[in-house]
Amino acid sequence: MAAPELRDAREKGRLEAYEDGEFVGHIAYFTLVFDPAALVPVHTIVEPAHEGKGIGSTLVREFYAMAGREGVPVVPLCPYAAKWAQRHPDEAPVPSAELVKEAERQAKEHPGL
């Protein structure tokens, strides 16, 4: 099975996954306005017909890689992303408690996520 095509739709606050042009899942996220800035995944969603194919894991791995390329940390408020990070500490550095607290505060300002 080929890996899904991933697209950062930052203007929509989503990292999206497609297979053969079909939308199959996404991570909803926002950019933390803080010093340092961070990327904050709030939900990882895979379409029911595509569950169990590793799409969620692929999305989270790319999300961390994307943040790494941008030189910013990730604050995983999404339960799936947080569990993935615990299982992959070499790819998912733990954010500071201060960043987590601020991300939780700012998440309340994004009720649509």
N, C-alpha and C. Protein backbone atom coordinates (compact mmCIF):
# COMPACT_ATOMS: atom_id res chain seq x y z
N MET A 1 0.84 -1.18 0.00
CA MET A 1 0.00 0.00 0.00
C MET A 1 0.89 1.25 0.00
N ALA A 2 0.61 2.18 -0.87
CA ALA A 2 1.37 3.42 -0.95
C ALA A 2 0.99 4.33 0.22
N ALA A 3 1.96 5.10 0.67
CA ALA A 3 1.69 6.06 1.74
C ALA A 3 0.74 7.13 1.22
N PRO A 4 -0.12 7.64 2.09
CA PRO A 4 -1.03 8.69 1.64
C PRO A 4 -0.26 9.97 1.29
N GLU A 5 -0.84 10.75 0.42
CA GLU A 5 -0.30 12.07 0.10
C GLU A 5 -0.73 13.00 1.22
N LEU A 6 0.21 13.75 1.78
CA LEU A 6 -0.10 14.66 2.88
C LEU A 6 0.03 16.10 2.40
N ARG A 7 -0.93 16.92 2.82
CA ARG A 7 -0.94 18.34 2.43
C ARG A 7 -1.18 19.19 3.66
N ASP A 8 -0.32 20.18 3.86
CA ASP A 8 -0.51 21.12 4.96
C ASP A 8 -1.45 22.23 4.49
N ALA A 9 -2.68 22.18 4.95
CA ALA A 9 -3.67 23.22 4.63
C ALA A 9 -3.74 24.17 5.82
N ARG A 10 -2.65 24.88 6.04
CA ARG A 10 -2.51 25.72 7.23
C ARG A 10 -3.60 26.77 7.34
N GLU A 11 -4.05 27.28 6.20
CA GLU A 11 -5.12 28.29 6.24
C GLU A 11 -6.41 27.73 6.82
N LYS A 12 -6.57 26.41 6.77
CA LYS A 12 -7.74 25.74 7.37
C LYS A 12 -7.39 25.10 8.71
N GLY A 13 -6.11 25.17 9.09
CA GLY A 13 -5.67 24.54 10.33
C GLY A 13 -5.72 23.03 10.27
N ARG A 14 -5.30 22.48 9.12
CA ARG A 14 -5.37 21.03 8.94
C ARG A 14 -4.16 20.50 8.18
N LEU A 15 -3.68 19.35 8.63
CA LEU A 15 -2.74 18.55 7.85
C LEU A 15 -3.60 17.42 7.30
N GLU A 16 -3.74 17.35 5.98
CA GLU A 16 -4.70 16.44 5.35
C GLU A 16 -4.00 15.27 4.67
N ALA A 17 -4.70 14.14 4.66
CA ALA A 17 -4.20 12.93 4.00
C ALA A 17 -5.16 12.55 2.86
N TYR A 18 -4.57 12.16 1.72
CA TYR A 18 -5.33 11.74 0.55
C TYR A 18 -4.76 10.45 0.00
N GLU A 19 -5.63 9.57 -0.44
CA GLU A 19 -5.23 8.36 -1.16
C GLU A 19 -5.92 8.37 -2.51
N ASP A 20 -5.13 8.33 -3.56
CA ASP A 20 -5.67 8.38 -4.92
C ASP A 20 -6.64 9.54 -5.10
N GLY A 21 -6.28 10.70 -4.53
CA GLY A 21 -7.09 11.91 -4.65
C GLY A 21 -8.27 11.97 -3.70
N GLU A 22 -8.53 10.92 -2.95
CA GLU A 22 -9.66 10.89 -2.01
C GLU A 22 -9.19 11.31 -0.62
N PHE A 23 -9.92 12.24 -0.02
CA PHE A 23 -9.63 12.68 1.35
C PHE A 23 -9.86 11.51 2.31
N VAL A 24 -8.85 11.18 3.13
CA VAL A 24 -8.99 10.03 4.03
C VAL A 24 -8.77 10.37 5.50
N GLY A 25 -8.30 11.57 5.82
CA GLY A 25 -8.12 11.94 7.21
C GLY A 25 -7.36 13.24 7.36
N HIS A 26 -7.30 13.70 8.62
CA HIS A 26 -6.58 14.95 8.87
C HIS A 26 -6.25 15.11 10.35
N ILE A 27 -5.34 16.03 10.61
CA ILE A 27 -5.08 16.53 11.96
C ILE A 27 -5.55 17.97 11.96
N ALA A 28 -6.43 18.30 12.90
CA ALA A 28 -6.84 19.69 13.11
C ALA A 28 -5.83 20.30 14.09
N TYR A 29 -5.32 21.47 13.76
CA TYR A 29 -4.31 22.09 14.61
C TYR A 29 -4.35 23.60 14.53
N PHE A 30 -3.64 24.23 15.46
CA PHE A 30 -3.44 25.67 15.39
C PHE A 30 -2.00 25.98 15.74
N THR A 31 -1.58 27.18 15.38
CA THR A 31 -0.24 27.65 15.71
C THR A 31 -0.32 28.44 17.00
N LEU A 32 0.44 28.04 17.98
CA LEU A 32 0.46 28.70 19.28
C LEU A 32 1.16 30.04 19.13
N VAL A 33 0.49 31.09 19.56
CA VAL A 33 1.07 32.43 19.55
C VAL A 33 1.71 32.63 20.91
N PHE A 34 3.01 32.42 20.96
CA PHE A 34 3.75 32.44 22.22
C PHE A 34 5.23 32.51 21.87
N ASP A 35 6.07 32.64 22.85
CA ASP A 35 7.51 32.59 22.62
C ASP A 35 8.08 31.48 23.48
N PRO A 36 8.40 30.32 22.92
CA PRO A 36 8.43 30.06 21.48
C PRO A 36 7.05 29.71 20.94
N ALA A 37 6.91 29.90 19.64
CA ALA A 37 5.70 29.45 18.95
C ALA A 37 5.71 27.93 18.95
N ALA A 38 4.57 27.32 18.68
CA ALA A 38 4.49 25.85 18.61
C ALA A 38 3.32 25.48 17.72
N LEU A 39 3.32 24.24 17.26
CA LEU A 39 2.17 23.69 16.54
C LEU A 39 1.41 22.81 17.52
N VAL A 40 0.09 22.95 17.52
CA VAL A 40 -0.74 22.27 18.51
C VAL A 40 -1.81 21.43 17.83
N PRO A 41 -1.59 20.10 17.73
CA PRO A 41 -2.63 19.24 17.18
C PRO A 41 -3.73 19.03 18.22
N VAL A 42 -4.97 19.18 17.77
CA VAL A 42 -6.11 19.07 18.67
C VAL A 42 -6.90 17.78 18.42
N HIS A 43 -7.01 17.38 17.17
CA HIS A 43 -7.75 16.16 16.81
C HIS A 43 -7.04 15.47 15.65
N THR A 44 -7.00 14.15 15.69
CA THR A 44 -6.57 13.34 14.55
C THR A 44 -7.78 12.52 14.15
N ILE A 45 -8.20 12.69 12.91
CA ILE A 45 -9.42 12.02 12.43
C ILE A 45 -9.12 11.28 11.14
N VAL A 46 -9.49 10.00 11.12
CA VAL A 46 -9.36 9.18 9.91
C VAL A 46 -10.77 8.75 9.53
N GLU A 47 -11.08 8.89 8.24
CA GLU A 47 -12.41 8.48 7.77
C GLU A 47 -12.63 7.00 8.08
N PRO A 48 -13.83 6.64 8.55
CA PRO A 48 -14.10 5.25 8.98
C PRO A 48 -13.68 4.18 7.98
N ALA A 49 -13.90 4.39 6.71
CA ALA A 49 -13.56 3.39 5.70
C ALA A 49 -12.06 3.19 5.56
N HIS A 50 -11.27 4.08 6.16
CA HIS A 50 -9.81 4.02 6.01
C HIS A 50 -9.08 3.77 7.33
N GLU A 51 -9.82 3.48 8.38
CA GLU A 51 -9.20 3.20 9.68
C GLU A 51 -8.41 1.90 9.61
N GLY A 52 -7.40 1.81 10.45
CA GLY A 52 -6.60 0.59 10.53
C GLY A 52 -5.52 0.46 9.47
N LYS A 53 -5.29 1.50 8.70
CA LYS A 53 -4.28 1.47 7.65
C LYS A 53 -3.01 2.23 8.03
N GLY A 54 -2.95 2.76 9.24
CA GLY A 54 -1.79 3.52 9.67
C GLY A 54 -1.81 4.98 9.25
N ILE A 55 -2.95 5.45 8.78
CA ILE A 55 -3.04 6.84 8.31
C ILE A 55 -2.86 7.82 9.47
N GLY A 56 -3.46 7.52 10.62
CA GLY A 56 -3.30 8.39 11.78
C GLY A 56 -1.85 8.53 12.19
N SER A 57 -1.15 7.41 12.25
CA SER A 57 0.27 7.42 12.61
C SER A 57 1.09 8.19 11.57
N THR A 58 0.78 8.00 10.31
CA THR A 58 1.49 8.72 9.25
C THR A 58 1.28 10.22 9.39
N LEU A 59 0.05 10.62 9.69
CA LEU A 59 -0.24 12.04 9.88
C LEU A 59 0.55 12.62 11.06
N VAL A 60 0.55 11.92 12.18
CA VAL A 60 1.24 12.44 13.36
C VAL A 60 2.74 12.48 13.13
N ARG A 61 3.30 11.46 12.52
CA ARG A 61 4.75 11.45 12.24
C ARG A 61 5.11 12.65 11.35
N GLU A 62 4.33 12.89 10.31
CA GLU A 62 4.60 14.03 9.43
C GLU A 62 4.40 15.35 10.17
N PHE A 63 3.42 15.41 11.07
CA PHE A 63 3.18 16.63 11.83
C PHE A 63 4.43 16.99 12.64
N TYR A 64 5.00 16.00 13.32
CA TYR A 64 6.23 16.24 14.08
C TYR A 64 7.39 16.61 13.16
N ALA A 65 7.48 15.95 12.02
CA ALA A 65 8.55 16.27 11.06
C ALA A 65 8.39 17.69 10.53
N MET A 66 7.14 18.08 10.24
CA MET A 66 6.86 19.43 9.75
C MET A 66 7.29 20.47 10.79
N ALA A 67 6.94 20.23 12.05
CA ALA A 67 7.34 21.15 13.13
C ALA A 67 8.86 21.20 13.24
N GLY A 68 9.51 20.06 13.11
CA GLY A 68 10.96 20.02 13.16
C GLY A 68 11.60 20.84 12.05
N ARG A 69 11.05 20.74 10.85
CA ARG A 69 11.57 21.52 9.72
C ARG A 69 11.39 23.02 9.97
N GLU A 70 10.32 23.37 10.69
CA GLU A 70 10.05 24.78 10.99
C GLU A 70 10.76 25.25 12.24
N GLY A 71 11.38 24.32 12.97
CA GLY A 71 12.11 24.68 14.17
C GLY A 71 11.23 25.05 15.35
N VAL A 72 10.03 24.47 15.40
CA VAL A 72 9.11 24.77 16.51
C VAL A 72 8.70 23.46 17.19
N PRO A 73 8.37 23.53 18.48
CA PRO A 73 7.92 22.33 19.17
C PRO A 73 6.47 22.00 18.85
N VAL A 74 6.07 20.80 19.25
CA VAL A 74 4.68 20.35 19.13
C VAL A 74 4.13 20.19 20.55
N VAL A 75 2.92 20.67 20.75
CA VAL A 75 2.21 20.47 22.02
C VAL A 75 0.99 19.62 21.69
N PRO A 76 1.08 18.31 21.89
CA PRO A 76 0.00 17.41 21.47
C PRO A 76 -1.19 17.40 22.43
N LEU A 77 -2.19 18.22 22.15
CA LEU A 77 -3.42 18.19 22.95
C LEU A 77 -4.35 17.09 22.46
N CYS A 78 -4.14 16.63 21.25
CA CYS A 78 -4.90 15.51 20.70
C CYS A 78 -4.49 14.23 21.43
N PRO A 79 -5.45 13.49 21.99
CA PRO A 79 -5.09 12.26 22.71
C PRO A 79 -4.32 11.25 21.85
N TYR A 80 -4.71 11.10 20.59
CA TYR A 80 -4.01 10.16 19.72
C TYR A 80 -2.56 10.60 19.51
N ALA A 81 -2.37 11.88 19.21
CA ALA A 81 -1.01 12.40 18.99
C ALA A 81 -0.18 12.29 20.27
N ALA A 82 -0.79 12.52 21.42
CA ALA A 82 -0.07 12.42 22.69
C ALA A 82 0.39 10.98 22.94
N LYS A 83 -0.47 10.01 22.66
CA LYS A 83 -0.10 8.60 22.84
C LYS A 83 0.99 8.21 21.85
N TRP A 84 0.87 8.69 20.61
CA TRP A 84 1.89 8.41 19.61
C TRP A 84 3.23 8.96 20.08
N ALA A 85 3.22 10.19 20.61
CA ALA A 85 4.45 10.83 21.08
C ALA A 85 5.10 10.01 22.20
N GLN A 86 4.30 9.47 23.09
CA GLN A 86 4.84 8.65 24.18
C GLN A 86 5.52 7.40 23.64
N ARG A 87 4.97 6.84 22.56
CA ARG A 87 5.54 5.63 21.97
C ARG A 87 6.75 5.91 21.08
N HIS A 88 6.94 7.17 20.70
CA HIS A 88 8.04 7.54 19.79
C HIS A 88 8.83 8.73 20.35
N PRO A 89 9.41 8.58 21.54
CA PRO A 89 10.10 9.73 22.15
C PRO A 89 11.29 10.24 21.33
N ASP A 90 11.86 9.40 20.48
CA ASP A 90 12.97 9.84 19.63
C ASP A 90 12.52 10.79 18.53
N GLU A 91 11.23 10.76 18.19
CA GLU A 91 10.69 11.63 17.14
C GLU A 91 9.84 12.75 17.70
N ALA A 92 9.49 12.67 18.99
CA ALA A 92 8.52 13.59 19.57
C ALA A 92 9.03 14.15 20.90
N PRO A 93 9.83 15.21 20.84
CA PRO A 93 10.32 15.81 22.08
C PRO A 93 9.16 16.29 22.96
N VAL A 94 9.34 16.17 24.26
CA VAL A 94 8.31 16.58 25.21
C VAL A 94 8.35 18.11 25.35
N PRO A 95 7.18 18.76 25.18
CA PRO A 95 7.16 20.22 25.33
C PRO A 95 7.23 20.62 26.81
N SER A 96 7.63 21.86 27.05
CA SER A 96 7.71 22.34 28.43
C SER A 96 6.31 22.46 29.03
N ALA A 97 6.23 22.40 30.34
CA ALA A 97 4.95 22.55 31.04
C ALA A 97 4.34 23.92 30.74
N GLU A 98 5.18 24.92 30.60
CA GLU A 98 4.70 26.28 30.30
C GLU A 98 4.01 26.30 28.93
N LEU A 99 4.60 25.64 27.93
CA LEU A 99 3.99 25.58 26.60
C LEU A 99 2.66 24.83 26.64
N VAL A 100 2.61 23.74 27.38
CA VAL A 100 1.37 22.96 27.48
C VAL A 100 0.27 23.82 28.10
N LYS A 101 0.59 24.50 29.16
CA LYS A 101 -0.41 25.36 29.84
C LYS A 101 -0.93 26.44 28.88
N GLU A 102 -0.03 27.07 28.16
CA GLU A 102 -0.44 28.13 27.23
C GLU A 102 -1.24 27.55 26.06
N ALA A 103 -0.85 26.38 25.58
CA ALA A 103 -1.60 25.74 24.49
C ALA A 103 -3.02 25.41 24.95
N GLU A 104 -3.16 24.90 26.16
CA GLU A 104 -4.49 24.59 26.69
C GLU A 104 -5.32 25.86 26.79
N ARG A 105 -4.71 26.95 27.22
CA ARG A 105 -5.42 28.23 27.32
C ARG A 105 -5.87 28.71 25.94
N GLN A 106 -4.95 28.68 24.98
CA GLN A 106 -5.28 29.17 23.64
C GLN A 106 -6.25 28.23 22.91
N ALA A 107 -6.24 26.96 23.24
CA ALA A 107 -7.18 26.02 22.60
C ALA A 107 -8.62 26.42 22.88
N LYS A 108 -8.85 26.99 24.03
CA LYS A 108 -10.21 27.44 24.38
C LYS A 108 -10.68 28.56 23.45
N GLU A 109 -9.73 29.25 22.83
CA GLU A 109 -10.05 30.33 21.90
C GLU A 109 -10.35 29.80 20.49
N HIS A 110 -10.21 28.50 20.28
CA HIS A 110 -10.46 27.87 18.99
C HIS A 110 -11.59 26.83 19.15
N PRO A 111 -12.79 27.28 19.48
CA PRO A 111 -13.86 26.32 19.77
C PRO A 111 -14.26 25.46 18.57
N GLY A 112 -13.94 25.87 17.37
CA GLY A 112 -14.31 25.10 16.18
C GLY A 112 -13.42 23.90 15.93
N LEU A 113 -12.33 23.78 16.67
CA LEU A 113 -11.41 22.66 16.45
C LEU A 113 -11.90 21.41 17.14
